[in-house]
Protein backbone atom coordinates (compact mmCIF):
# COMPACT_ATOMS: atom_id res chain seq x y z
CA MET A 1 105.66 104.84 48.26
CA THR A 2 106.97 108.43 48.24
CA PRO A 3 110.73 109.42 47.62
CA GLN A 4 110.51 110.06 51.33
CA GLN A 5 109.62 107.24 52.35
CA GLN A 6 111.89 105.37 50.51
CA ILE A 7 115.05 107.41 51.88
CA LEU A 8 113.49 106.00 55.27
CA GLN A 9 113.28 102.55 54.38
CA ARG A 10 116.64 102.22 52.76
CA ARG A 11 117.87 103.89 55.87
CA ARG A 12 116.38 101.14 57.62
CA GLU A 13 117.49 98.50 55.88
CA PHE A 14 121.17 100.14 56.25
CA LEU A 15 120.91 99.78 59.64
CA ALA A 16 119.55 96.67 60.17
CA THR A 17 120.74 94.36 57.59
CA SER A 18 123.96 92.40 57.91
CA ALA A 19 125.26 93.94 54.75
CA SER A 20 126.43 96.73 55.90
CA GLY A 21 126.89 95.60 59.51
CA ILE A 22 126.19 98.32 61.59
CA GLY A 23 122.79 97.77 63.14
CA THR A 24 123.49 94.13 63.58
CA LEU A 25 127.35 95.08 65.12
CA ALA A 26 125.28 97.22 67.76
CA LEU A 27 122.89 94.57 68.67
CA ALA A 28 125.63 91.81 69.01
CA SER A 29 127.51 93.95 71.59
CA LEU A 30 124.30 94.63 73.32
CA LEU A 31 123.74 90.91 73.54
CA LYS A 32 127.61 90.06 74.23
CA ASP A 33 127.32 92.65 77.11
CA ASP A 34 123.86 90.74 78.05
CA GLN A 35 125.97 87.23 78.23
CA LEU A 36 123.30 86.19 75.10
CA LEU A 37 125.22 85.90 72.41
CA ALA A 38 126.58 82.12 71.60
CA VAL A 39 129.19 83.51 69.10
CA ASP A 40 131.59 86.00 70.29
CA PHE A 41 132.73 87.47 66.94
CA GLU A 42 135.15 89.75 68.02
CA ARG A 43 137.53 86.78 69.15
CA LYS A 44 140.11 86.32 66.56
CA ASP A 45 141.00 83.00 67.52
CA PRO A 46 138.02 80.78 68.41
CA LEU A 47 140.20 78.01 69.69
CA ALA A 48 141.93 80.63 71.95
CA PRO A 49 141.98 79.39 75.80
CA LYS A 50 138.78 80.33 78.02
CA PRO A 51 138.09 80.18 81.51
CA PRO A 52 135.90 77.66 82.88
CA HIS A 53 133.02 78.41 84.75
CA PHE A 54 134.51 77.21 88.30
CA ASP A 55 138.08 75.69 89.47
CA ALA A 56 138.56 72.33 87.15
CA THR A 57 140.71 69.40 87.82
CA ALA A 58 141.07 68.06 84.53
CA LYS A 59 142.44 70.02 81.67
CA ALA A 60 142.64 67.25 78.92
CA CYS A 61 140.61 64.19 78.23
CA ILE A 62 141.48 60.90 75.97
CA PHE A 63 138.19 59.13 75.07
CA ILE A 64 139.08 55.75 74.05
CA TYR A 65 136.02 54.21 72.13
CA LEU A 66 135.61 50.60 71.53
CA ALA A 67 132.93 50.42 69.28
CA GLY A 68 130.68 47.45 68.41
CA ALA A 69 130.39 47.25 72.74
CA PRO A 70 133.02 45.14 74.51
CA SER A 71 131.05 42.35 76.69
CA HIS A 72 130.97 44.07 80.48
CA LEU A 73 129.75 40.56 81.74
CA ASP A 74 133.55 38.75 80.25
CA LEU A 75 135.61 41.66 81.30
CA PHE A 76 134.45 43.75 84.68
CA ASN A 77 131.16 42.38 85.58
CA PRO A 78 130.98 38.53 87.23
CA LYS A 79 127.62 37.19 87.28
CA PRO A 80 128.07 33.93 89.18
CA LYS A 81 124.09 33.40 89.14
CA LEU A 82 124.31 33.06 85.20
CA LYS A 83 126.48 29.89 86.01
CA GLU A 84 122.88 28.45 87.90
CA LEU A 85 120.82 29.14 85.33
CA ASP A 86 123.12 28.73 82.26
CA GLY A 87 120.97 27.29 79.29
CA GLN A 88 117.54 28.54 80.94
CA THR A 89 115.24 31.05 79.71
CA LEU A 90 114.33 33.92 81.72
CA PRO A 91 110.68 34.84 82.81
CA ASP A 92 108.33 36.77 81.08
CA SER A 93 108.51 39.63 83.91
CA LEU A 94 111.76 40.27 82.80
CA THR A 95 111.51 40.05 78.15
CA LYS A 96 108.42 41.41 78.23
CA ASN A 97 108.37 44.37 75.69
CA VAL A 98 112.13 44.35 75.93
CA ARG A 99 113.40 44.88 72.38
CA PHE A 100 116.34 42.70 71.14
CA ALA A 101 118.72 43.56 68.20
CA PHE A 102 118.64 40.20 66.73
CA ILE A 103 117.69 37.15 69.50
CA ASN A 104 113.98 36.90 71.24
CA LYS A 105 113.16 36.25 74.55
CA ASN A 106 113.30 32.67 74.39
CA ALA A 107 117.23 33.16 74.14
CA LYS A 108 119.09 30.90 77.09
CA CYS A 109 121.60 32.39 79.74
CA LYS A 110 124.92 32.37 79.31
CA PRO A 111 127.78 32.66 81.86
CA THR A 112 130.75 33.90 81.37
CA GLN A 113 133.93 31.64 80.40
CA GLU A 114 136.64 33.60 81.92
CA LYS A 115 138.49 33.82 84.94
CA PHE A 116 137.79 36.71 87.23
CA ARG A 117 139.80 37.63 90.66
CA ARG A 118 139.98 40.92 92.37
CA TYR A 119 142.57 43.49 91.82
CA GLY A 120 144.64 46.38 93.98
CA GLN A 121 143.79 47.82 97.44
CA SER A 122 139.90 48.11 95.76
CA GLY A 123 139.80 44.73 95.28
CA MET A 124 137.96 45.97 91.85
CA TRP A 125 136.89 42.74 89.48
CA PHE A 126 138.38 42.42 86.18
CA SER A 127 138.63 39.21 83.80
CA ASN A 128 141.94 37.53 82.78
CA ARG A 129 141.39 39.21 79.82
CA LEU A 130 142.98 42.48 80.99
CA PRO A 131 146.11 41.74 83.09
CA HIS A 132 147.69 44.88 82.07
CA ILE A 133 144.62 47.36 83.16
CA SER A 134 143.34 45.63 85.97
CA SER A 135 146.99 46.36 87.51
CA CYS A 136 145.64 50.04 87.39
CA ALA A 137 142.51 49.27 89.30
CA ASP A 138 143.09 51.42 92.13
CA ASP A 139 143.52 54.57 89.75
CA ILE A 140 140.31 53.37 87.96
CA CYS A 141 136.57 54.50 88.60
CA MET A 142 134.56 51.77 87.10
CA MET A 143 130.52 52.55 86.41
CA HIS A 144 128.35 49.26 86.34
CA THR A 145 125.28 50.75 85.94
CA MET A 146 125.76 52.76 82.46
CA HIS A 147 122.38 52.75 80.41
CA THR A 148 121.08 54.35 77.77
CA GLU A 149 117.93 54.27 75.49
CA ALA A 150 119.80 53.30 72.05
CA PHE A 151 119.73 49.67 71.23
CA ASN A 152 121.56 49.51 68.08
CA HIS A 153 125.32 50.72 67.33
CA HIS A 154 124.71 54.09 65.16
CA PRO A 155 122.19 55.45 67.45
CA GLY A 156 124.04 54.00 70.62
CA GLN A 157 127.34 55.86 69.38
CA LEU A 158 125.87 59.32 68.37
CA VAL A 159 124.35 59.13 72.30
CA MET A 160 127.45 58.46 73.72
CA ASN A 161 129.54 60.80 71.88
CA CYS A 162 126.99 63.82 71.03
CA GLY A 163 124.38 63.07 73.87
CA ASP A 164 121.50 62.26 70.65
CA GLN A 165 120.36 59.59 68.70
CA LYS A 166 119.99 62.53 66.12
CA PHE A 167 122.59 63.39 63.59
CA GLY A 168 123.64 66.83 63.55
CA ARG A 169 124.77 67.44 67.17
CA PRO A 170 128.27 68.36 68.59
CA SER A 171 130.33 65.78 69.97
CA ILE A 172 131.76 65.80 73.26
CA GLY A 173 135.20 67.04 72.14
CA ALA A 174 133.50 70.18 70.11
CA TRP A 175 131.50 71.22 73.24
CA LEU A 176 134.98 71.13 75.57
CA ASN A 177 136.82 73.33 73.13
CA TYR A 178 133.76 75.09 72.57
CA GLY A 179 133.71 76.06 76.13
CA LEU A 180 137.15 75.97 76.91
CA GLY A 181 139.19 76.28 73.94
CA THR A 182 142.86 74.84 73.52
CA GLU A 183 146.21 75.32 75.18
CA SER A 184 147.80 73.87 71.42
CA LYS A 185 148.83 76.61 69.50
CA ASN A 186 150.32 74.29 66.56
CA LEU A 187 148.20 71.35 66.62
CA PRO A 188 144.02 71.06 66.94
CA GLY A 189 142.32 71.25 70.01
CA TYR A 190 140.55 67.91 69.22
CA VAL A 191 142.19 65.54 67.46
CA VAL A 192 141.00 61.62 66.28
CA LEU A 193 142.83 58.35 66.13
CA THR A 194 141.23 55.35 64.69
CA ALA A 195 142.45 51.49 64.35
CA GLY A 196 141.08 48.73 63.51
CA PRO A 197 137.52 48.27 62.17
CA PRO A 198 136.09 51.84 61.71
CA ALA A 199 132.88 52.90 64.10
CA ARG A 200 129.35 52.41 62.61
CA GLY A 201 128.98 56.08 62.88
CA GLY A 202 132.29 57.28 61.19
CA ALA A 203 132.43 60.85 61.22
CA THR A 204 129.44 61.74 63.02
CA ASN A 205 130.67 60.68 66.06
CA TRP A 206 133.42 63.32 66.35
CA SER A 207 131.45 66.23 64.56
CA SER A 208 130.95 69.49 65.49
CA GLY A 209 127.76 69.55 64.44
CA PHE A 210 125.72 73.08 64.47
CA LEU A 211 128.83 74.25 66.47
CA PRO A 212 131.50 76.24 64.10
CA SER A 213 133.80 73.61 62.22
CA THR A 214 136.68 74.35 64.15
CA TYR A 215 135.14 72.28 66.76
CA GLN A 216 134.87 69.62 65.09
CA GLY A 217 137.68 66.44 65.68
CA VAL A 218 140.79 66.45 63.15
CA LEU A 219 141.61 63.02 62.07
CA PHE A 220 145.31 62.10 62.59
CA ARG A 221 146.95 59.21 60.77
CA ASN A 222 149.74 57.35 63.02
CA GLN A 223 152.02 57.33 59.97
CA GLY A 224 153.20 58.91 56.67
CA GLU A 225 151.39 62.44 56.34
CA PRO A 226 149.41 63.16 59.56
CA VAL A 227 146.50 65.06 57.77
CA LEU A 228 145.75 64.17 54.02
CA ASN A 229 146.94 67.27 51.64
CA LEU A 230 148.73 69.01 54.74
CA ASN A 231 152.34 69.17 52.67
CA ASN A 232 152.63 71.96 50.40
CA PRO A 233 152.74 70.90 46.42
CA LYS A 234 155.85 70.54 44.83
CA GLY A 235 157.32 74.18 44.16
CA LEU A 236 155.32 75.93 46.74
CA THR A 237 157.91 77.72 48.63
CA ASP A 238 156.87 78.42 51.98
CA ALA A 239 157.37 82.33 51.56
CA VAL A 240 154.99 82.02 48.41
CA GLN A 241 152.40 79.88 50.86
CA ARG A 242 152.65 82.68 53.53
CA LYS A 243 151.62 85.89 51.26
CA SER A 244 148.76 83.46 49.59
CA LEU A 245 147.59 82.62 53.26
CA GLU A 246 147.68 86.48 54.25
CA ALA A 247 145.99 87.33 51.06
CA VAL A 248 143.00 85.12 51.68
CA ALA A 249 142.87 85.97 55.44
CA ASP A 250 142.67 89.46 54.47
CA LEU A 251 139.47 88.65 52.24
CA ASN A 252 138.11 86.19 54.77
CA ARG A 253 138.36 89.09 57.07
CA GLU A 254 136.53 91.72 55.11
CA ARG A 255 133.82 89.46 54.50
CA LEU A 256 133.71 88.39 58.50
CA ASN A 257 132.80 92.14 58.83
CA SER A 258 130.27 92.35 56.22
CA VAL A 259 127.97 89.23 57.28
CA LEU A 260 129.51 88.41 60.49
CA ASP A 261 128.77 84.64 60.10
CA PRO A 262 131.08 82.55 62.76
CA GLU A 263 131.84 79.89 60.03
CA ILE A 264 134.38 82.61 58.27
CA SER A 265 136.09 82.85 61.59
CA SER A 266 136.65 78.93 61.77
CA ARG A 267 137.77 79.32 58.10
CA ILE A 268 140.40 81.70 58.76
CA ALA A 269 141.55 79.94 62.19
CA ALA A 270 141.54 76.66 60.14
CA TYR A 271 143.87 77.86 57.45
CA GLU A 272 146.50 79.48 60.00
CA LEU A 273 146.59 76.04 62.00
CA ALA A 274 146.93 74.15 59.13
CA TYR A 275 150.15 76.33 58.30
CA ARG A 276 151.74 75.79 61.61
CA MET A 277 150.41 72.18 61.71
CA GLN A 278 152.61 71.60 58.79
CA ALA A 279 155.86 71.63 60.89
CA ALA A 280 153.86 70.35 64.28
CA ALA A 281 152.11 67.29 62.91
CA PRO A 282 155.22 65.30 61.21
CA GLU A 283 157.09 66.18 64.59
CA LEU A 284 154.33 64.93 66.69
CA ILE A 285 154.06 61.32 65.04
CA ASP A 286 158.20 61.21 65.06
CA LEU A 287 158.61 58.87 68.07
CA SER A 288 162.25 58.88 67.45
CA SER A 289 162.65 60.96 70.90
CA GLU A 290 161.11 58.51 72.93
CA THR A 291 163.04 55.71 74.56
CA LYS A 292 163.22 52.11 73.74
CA GLN A 293 161.83 51.19 76.91
CA THR A 294 158.87 53.28 76.44
CA LEU A 295 158.23 51.79 72.91
CA GLU A 296 158.58 48.62 74.51
CA LYS A 297 155.71 49.35 77.19
CA TYR A 298 152.94 50.51 75.15
CA GLY A 299 153.75 47.88 72.70
CA VAL A 300 154.55 50.10 69.65
CA ASN A 301 156.61 47.23 68.30
CA ARG A 302 154.77 44.08 69.40
CA SER A 303 153.48 43.58 65.33
CA ASP A 304 152.24 45.52 62.16
CA GLY A 305 148.49 45.85 61.79
CA VAL A 306 146.15 47.08 64.35
CA GLN A 307 148.33 46.01 67.04
CA LYS A 308 150.79 48.36 65.93
CA SER A 309 148.57 51.15 65.16
CA PHE A 310 146.59 51.43 68.40
CA ALA A 311 149.52 51.09 70.47
CA THR A 312 151.09 54.14 68.37
CA ASN A 313 147.47 55.96 69.17
CA CYS A 314 147.99 55.81 72.78
CA LEU A 315 151.70 56.84 72.63
CA LEU A 316 150.59 59.85 70.56
CA ALA A 317 147.55 60.42 72.69
CA ARG A 318 150.05 61.52 75.23
CA ARG A 319 152.04 63.40 73.04
CA LEU A 320 149.26 65.26 72.33
CA VAL A 321 148.09 65.84 75.99
CA GLU A 322 151.92 67.05 76.25
CA ARG A 323 151.49 69.75 73.48
CA GLY A 324 148.13 71.01 74.89
CA SER A 325 145.21 69.37 72.96
CA ARG A 326 142.11 69.20 74.60
CA PHE A 327 140.43 66.10 73.68
CA ILE A 328 141.98 63.50 71.87
CA ASN A 329 139.59 60.33 70.96
CA ILE A 330 140.92 57.06 69.92
CA TYR A 331 138.72 54.47 68.37
CA HIS A 332 139.09 50.91 68.02
CA GLY A 333 136.16 48.70 66.07
CA GLY A 334 135.52 45.22 66.10
CA TRP A 335 133.92 44.67 69.40
CA ASP A 336 130.54 43.26 68.03
CA GLN A 337 130.68 39.60 68.99
CA HIS A 338 127.20 38.35 68.24
CA GLY A 339 129.29 35.09 67.31
CA ASN A 340 132.98 33.82 68.23
CA LEU A 341 132.73 35.57 71.50
CA THR A 342 135.73 33.57 73.29
CA LYS A 343 138.01 34.15 70.24
CA ASP A 344 137.59 37.45 69.04
CA LEU A 345 137.17 38.99 72.93
CA ALA A 346 140.84 37.43 73.20
CA LYS A 347 141.98 38.86 70.04
CA ASN A 348 140.59 42.59 70.88
CA SER A 349 141.58 42.48 74.46
CA MET A 350 145.15 41.33 73.94
CA ILE A 351 145.47 44.44 71.21
CA VAL A 352 144.22 47.58 73.84
CA ASP A 353 145.20 45.83 77.39
CA GLN A 354 148.87 46.70 77.08
CA PRO A 355 148.74 49.99 75.52
CA ILE A 356 146.15 51.43 77.63
CA ALA A 357 147.73 50.18 80.59
CA ALA A 358 151.05 51.71 79.42
CA LEU A 359 149.30 55.09 78.82
CA LEU A 360 147.63 54.65 82.05
CA LYS A 361 151.38 54.52 84.09
CA ASP A 362 153.16 56.70 81.38
CA LEU A 363 150.86 59.55 82.43
CA LYS A 364 151.13 59.00 85.96
CA GLN A 365 154.92 59.05 85.95
CA ARG A 366 154.94 62.05 84.34
CA GLY A 367 152.78 63.74 86.85
CA LEU A 368 149.92 64.29 83.83
CA LEU A 369 147.37 61.73 85.17
CA GLN A 370 145.72 64.18 87.71
CA SER A 371 144.71 66.46 85.06
CA THR A 372 144.49 63.95 82.20
CA MET A 373 141.05 62.12 82.44
CA VAL A 374 141.06 58.69 80.33
CA VAL A 375 138.17 56.96 79.53
CA TRP A 376 136.92 53.61 78.52
CA GLY A 377 133.78 54.13 76.61
CA THR A 378 131.17 52.31 74.28
CA GLU A 379 127.88 52.28 72.91
CA PHE A 380 126.13 49.56 75.26
CA GLY A 381 126.51 46.42 76.88
CA ARG A 382 125.97 42.72 76.13
CA THR A 383 123.07 40.48 76.70
CA PRO A 384 123.57 37.90 79.76
CA LEU A 385 121.82 35.83 76.99
CA ALA A 386 123.53 34.07 74.63
CA GLN A 387 123.08 34.49 70.45
CA GLY A 388 124.18 31.29 69.09
CA GLY A 389 126.67 29.08 70.12
CA ASP A 390 129.00 31.57 71.30
CA GLY A 391 127.69 35.46 71.18
CA ARG A 392 125.83 38.10 72.94
CA ASP A 393 123.28 40.71 71.66
CA HIS A 394 122.97 43.86 72.12
CA HIS A 395 122.09 45.08 75.77
CA PRO A 396 121.52 49.07 76.71
CA SER A 397 119.98 48.55 80.10
CA ALA A 398 123.22 47.83 82.22
CA TYR A 399 126.46 47.87 81.24
CA SER A 400 129.76 48.97 82.62
CA MET A 401 132.77 51.85 81.47
CA TRP A 402 135.07 53.29 83.51
CA MET A 403 137.36 56.60 83.75
CA ALA A 404 140.80 57.26 85.73
CA GLY A 405 142.82 60.94 86.21
CA GLY A 406 141.31 64.21 86.15
CA GLY A 407 139.97 64.03 89.45
CA ALA A 408 137.64 60.94 88.72
CA ARG A 409 137.52 58.77 92.10
CA GLY A 410 140.32 55.84 91.86
CA GLY A 411 139.80 52.44 93.39
CA TYR A 412 135.85 53.18 93.42
CA SER A 413 133.20 51.10 92.03
CA HIS A 414 129.91 52.45 91.24
CA GLY A 415 126.58 50.99 91.70
CA ASP A 416 125.70 47.24 90.25
CA SER A 417 123.55 45.52 87.73
CA ASP A 418 120.97 42.56 89.53
CA GLU A 419 122.50 39.11 89.99
CA ILE A 420 122.47 38.46 86.18
CA GLY A 421 123.35 41.52 84.69
CA TRP A 422 119.72 42.53 83.30
CA GLY A 423 118.68 45.55 84.71
CA ILE A 424 120.58 47.98 87.54
CA ALA A 425 120.09 47.39 91.18
CA ASP A 426 121.49 50.53 92.46
CA LYS A 427 122.84 53.95 91.35
CA PRO A 428 121.94 54.17 87.81
CA LEU A 429 124.06 56.29 85.91
CA HIS A 430 122.57 57.46 82.70
CA ILE A 431 124.94 58.58 79.66
CA HIS A 432 123.33 62.04 80.24
CA ASP A 433 125.05 61.92 83.90
CA PHE A 434 128.16 60.56 82.51
CA HIS A 435 128.42 63.39 80.41
CA ALA A 436 127.52 66.19 83.00
CA THR A 437 130.36 64.47 85.59
CA LEU A 438 132.62 64.97 82.93
CA LEU A 439 132.08 68.29 82.36
CA HIS A 440 131.96 69.26 86.00
CA LEU A 441 135.12 67.69 86.10
CA PHE A 442 136.28 70.28 83.30
CA GLY A 443 134.99 73.14 85.54
CA LEU A 444 132.07 73.37 83.51
CA ASP A 445 128.35 73.11 83.97
CA ASP A 446 126.44 71.39 81.77
CA LYS A 447 123.12 73.26 82.48
CA ASN A 448 125.36 76.80 81.02
CA LEU A 449 127.38 75.27 78.43
CA THR A 450 124.67 75.90 75.59
CA TYR A 451 124.54 76.92 72.01
CA ARG A 452 121.80 78.82 70.50
CA PHE A 453 120.72 76.74 67.43
CA LYS A 454 117.44 77.68 65.73
CA GLY A 455 116.34 79.39 68.87
CA LEU A 456 116.73 76.99 70.90
CA ASP A 457 119.65 76.73 73.28
CA PHE A 458 121.10 72.98 73.11
CA ARG A 459 123.48 71.30 75.31
CA LEU A 460 125.63 68.09 75.52
CA THR A 461 123.32 66.71 78.15
CA GLY A 462 119.74 66.85 76.33
CA THR A 463 116.84 69.30 77.52
CA GLY A 464 115.12 70.30 80.82
CA ASP A 465 116.59 68.31 83.89
CA THR A 466 118.89 65.64 82.07
CA GLY A 467 122.12 65.18 83.49
CA THR A 468 123.11 64.97 86.81
CA VAL A 469 126.52 65.31 88.51
CA VAL A 470 127.54 62.55 90.01
CA LYS A 471 129.66 63.31 93.33
CA GLU A 472 130.44 59.51 94.21
CA LEU A 473 132.15 59.52 90.95
CA ILE A 474 134.30 62.32 91.96
CA ALA A 475 137.58 62.47 93.85
């Protein structure tokens, strides 16, 4: 290569490489103008509020995840036909080629032992295990025809929370914060609260996946230090911490201008948010400003352990909504009743029933339910077939979930499974359809909420035509 050719080569490298940044900045500017750039490098705060695609009814979501799969047949969807078939096997036409987690096709039909009746003007069905939530029937949009491809817990939890059984996909909360940002200045846009046994999927359920890490869920504790290692070490003053933070931010911004890596923007935002959270997070979990009546309604003082923890999480969720957080996950595990169904269902229902109902009523009384979506979610349902003497196996083909507020259609029951709860009789609702509808209520078109990763435009609702907004679920 001649000296002149070497000079031209170096000039091309100078213009094109991310090290110099000039060529990349020019390309980024052009892509941004054409709305082809997934990340806006000029945005100082990745979590700054962004406009929706169209007018929205929902502004915040409290997604209560019951890990392990509660038995919808014993809580929401009675099937009298099962009493007639008690102890009988199903015909091969139904069980042929069906995959079960533990039982086989010779398992016997099992009717519910719970007592059901209709509630509210809508006449929605609930069992005796949910006396508090059932009093909110006319605010609830019940979905009886949910179905999924996953029949084991971790894959099923990933599909419900992230839209795919594969690792590394962003969760619902991450997508919402990516698409809309957050109104909260001093607390994360996506907060995770847990109580009881953990979900099998763990942190993969609230991951940001390939999105910048600023969008992932932040795990909070409801007592003690809200976020581990949030407090300053002894001897570090606020003034020294502020100067240190500014110095680190200057270095990070210099590196960002050099390589244009959006993860550096996430790092800068995370340091700043952590600094502001040192005052805001302790105030959040300090319930001394709540009235005695409110604490009693949620059941915060019912007892110690999981009951207290779950009740506190429901109250903290309302406080997070008031402070502008976009998405709050509340996880409660222990719903995988392959045995001891009667006893464990009663115990778990007692833990969650009163606090969830109190949350719905509290949001409504404060004028927040109209803009806050509350979801009762899980990975799949339970079989109408028995496992052992008192249990049910995993059942992904038809199960029930519900949502309330945020523009969801209250007092409405969507579709139904067949007469034994085996398959769907009408109005099937895939998880992708539920996700598309949820995003729609937030003013987001799921087909246009995308992020380019490894040359592909990814969505929460999968690829192609998957995911349909179900207008019947919308008020």
